[in-house]
C-alpha atoms as a PDB file:
ATOM      1  CA  MET A   1     -36.462  32.290   1.936  1.00  0.00           C
ATOM      2  CA  VAL A   2     -37.294  31.096   5.434  1.00  0.00           C
ATOM      3  CA  PRO A   3     -35.266  32.714   8.208  1.00  0.00           C
ATOM      4  CA  THR A   4     -33.345  30.310  10.412  1.00  0.00           C
ATOM      5  CA  PHE A   5     -31.702  30.708  13.772  1.00  0.00           C
ATOM      6  CA  THR A   6     -29.568  28.665  16.120  1.00  0.00           C
ATOM      7  CA  LEU A   7     -29.981  28.509  19.870  1.00  0.00           C
ATOM      8  CA  LEU A   8     -26.643  28.633  21.632  1.00  0.00           C
ATOM      9  CA  SER A   9     -26.010  27.538  25.204  1.00  0.00           C
ATOM     10  CA  LYS A  10     -23.426  29.310  27.367  1.00  0.00           C
ATOM     11  CA  GLU A  11     -21.112  26.363  26.673  1.00  0.00           C
ATOM     12  CA  ASP A  12     -21.637  26.725  22.910  1.00  0.00           C
ATOM     13  CA  ILE A  13     -20.842  30.427  23.113  1.00  0.00           C
ATOM     14  CA  GLU A  14     -17.657  29.837  25.128  1.00  0.00           C
ATOM     15  CA  ALA A  15     -16.545  27.115  22.709  1.00  0.00           C
ATOM     16  CA  ARG A  16     -17.155  29.387  19.733  1.00  0.00           C
ATOM     17  CA  LYS A  17     -15.223  32.212  21.395  1.00  0.00           C
ATOM     18  CA  GLY A  18     -12.300  29.825  21.925  1.00  0.00           C
ATOM     19  CA  GLU A  19     -12.403  28.779  18.269  1.00  0.00           C
ATOM     20  CA  LEU A  20     -12.383  32.393  17.129  1.00  0.00           C
ATOM     21  CA  LEU A  21      -9.430  33.309  19.350  1.00  0.00           C
ATOM     22  CA  ALA A  22      -7.520  30.259  18.114  1.00  0.00           C
ATOM     23  CA  ARG A  23      -8.196  31.334  14.534  1.00  0.00           C
ATOM     24  CA  ALA A  24      -6.948  34.838  15.351  1.00  0.00           C
ATOM     25  CA  GLY A  25      -3.823  33.371  16.952  1.00  0.00           C
ATOM     26  CA  MET A  26      -3.901  35.756  19.906  1.00  0.00           C
ATOM     27  CA  SER A  27      -5.536  36.235  23.277  1.00  0.00           C
ATOM     28  CA  TYR A  28      -8.712  38.178  23.867  1.00  0.00           C
ATOM     29  CA  ASP A  29      -6.764  41.057  25.405  1.00  0.00           C
ATOM     30  CA  GLU A  30      -4.265  41.157  22.521  1.00  0.00           C
ATOM     31  CA  LEU A  31      -7.056  41.204  19.959  1.00  0.00           C
ATOM     32  CA  HIS A  32      -8.861  44.064  21.657  1.00  0.00           C
ATOM     33  CA  ALA A  33      -5.637  46.021  22.219  1.00  0.00           C
ATOM     34  CA  LYS A  34      -4.828  45.762  18.515  1.00  0.00           C
ATOM     35  CA  GLY A  35      -8.399  46.791  17.725  1.00  0.00           C
ATOM     36  CA  ARG A  36      -8.157  49.894  19.895  1.00  0.00           C
ATOM     37  CA  ALA A  37      -4.912  50.782  18.072  1.00  0.00           C
ATOM     38  CA  TYR A  38      -6.531  50.169  14.634  1.00  0.00           C
ATOM     39  CA  GLN A  39      -3.961  47.459  13.861  1.00  0.00           C
ATOM     40  CA  LEU A  40      -6.274  44.578  12.956  1.00  0.00           C
ATOM     41  CA  THR A  41      -6.396  42.978   9.547  1.00  0.00           C
ATOM     42  CA  PRO A  42      -9.877  42.739   8.010  1.00  0.00           C
ATOM     43  CA  ALA A  43     -10.039  39.059   9.031  1.00  0.00           C
ATOM     44  CA  GLU A  44      -8.993  39.856  12.616  1.00  0.00           C
ATOM     45  CA  ASP A  45     -11.536  42.672  12.792  1.00  0.00           C
ATOM     46  CA  ALA A  46     -14.265  40.274  11.655  1.00  0.00           C
ATOM     47  CA  ILE A  47     -13.253  37.924  14.478  1.00  0.00           C
ATOM     48  CA  ARG A  48     -13.378  40.819  16.957  1.00  0.00           C
ATOM     49  CA  ARG A  49     -16.888  41.715  15.811  1.00  0.00           C
ATOM     50  CA  ASP A  50     -18.002  38.068  16.051  1.00  0.00           C
ATOM     51  CA  LEU A  51     -16.635  37.927  19.609  1.00  0.00           C
ATOM     52  CA  GLU A  52     -18.546  41.076  20.522  1.00  0.00           C
ATOM     53  CA  ASP A  53     -21.740  39.574  19.101  1.00  0.00           C
ATOM     54  CA  LEU A  54     -21.224  36.407  21.154  1.00  0.00           C
ATOM     55  CA  GLU A  55     -20.571  38.470  24.279  1.00  0.00           C
ATOM     56  CA  TYR A  56     -23.821  40.324  23.693  1.00  0.00           C
ATOM     57  CA  LEU A  57     -25.731  37.049  23.279  1.00  0.00           C
ATOM     58  CA  ALA A  58     -24.197  35.754  26.503  1.00  0.00           C
ATOM     59  CA  GLY A  59     -25.268  38.902  28.352  1.00  0.00           C
ATOM     60  CA  GLU A  60     -21.681  40.043  28.838  1.00  0.00           C
ATOM     61  CA  ARG A  61     -22.178  43.351  26.986  1.00  0.00           C
ATOM     62  CA  ASP A  62     -24.817  46.033  27.454  1.00  0.00           C
ATOM     63  CA  GLU A  63     -24.531  47.601  23.997  1.00  0.00           C
END
C-alpha cells in the first residue's frame, strides 16, 4: 500500500477545526473543560484528539 498525505493550509486547518467543534456541539473551551474533567464521550474525545493534532500541525502546540 502506498502512503498518502494531504497538505493543509492554515485556512483548511481552521475550517476543519470549525467542523469538528460543530460536530461536538460545543465550544473549544467547553470541550477542553469536559476533557479535563474526564466527562467526554468516546466520540467527543476523538474530536478533542483531532483538534489537538490540527493545532500541532498549525504550530499552535509544542507537544
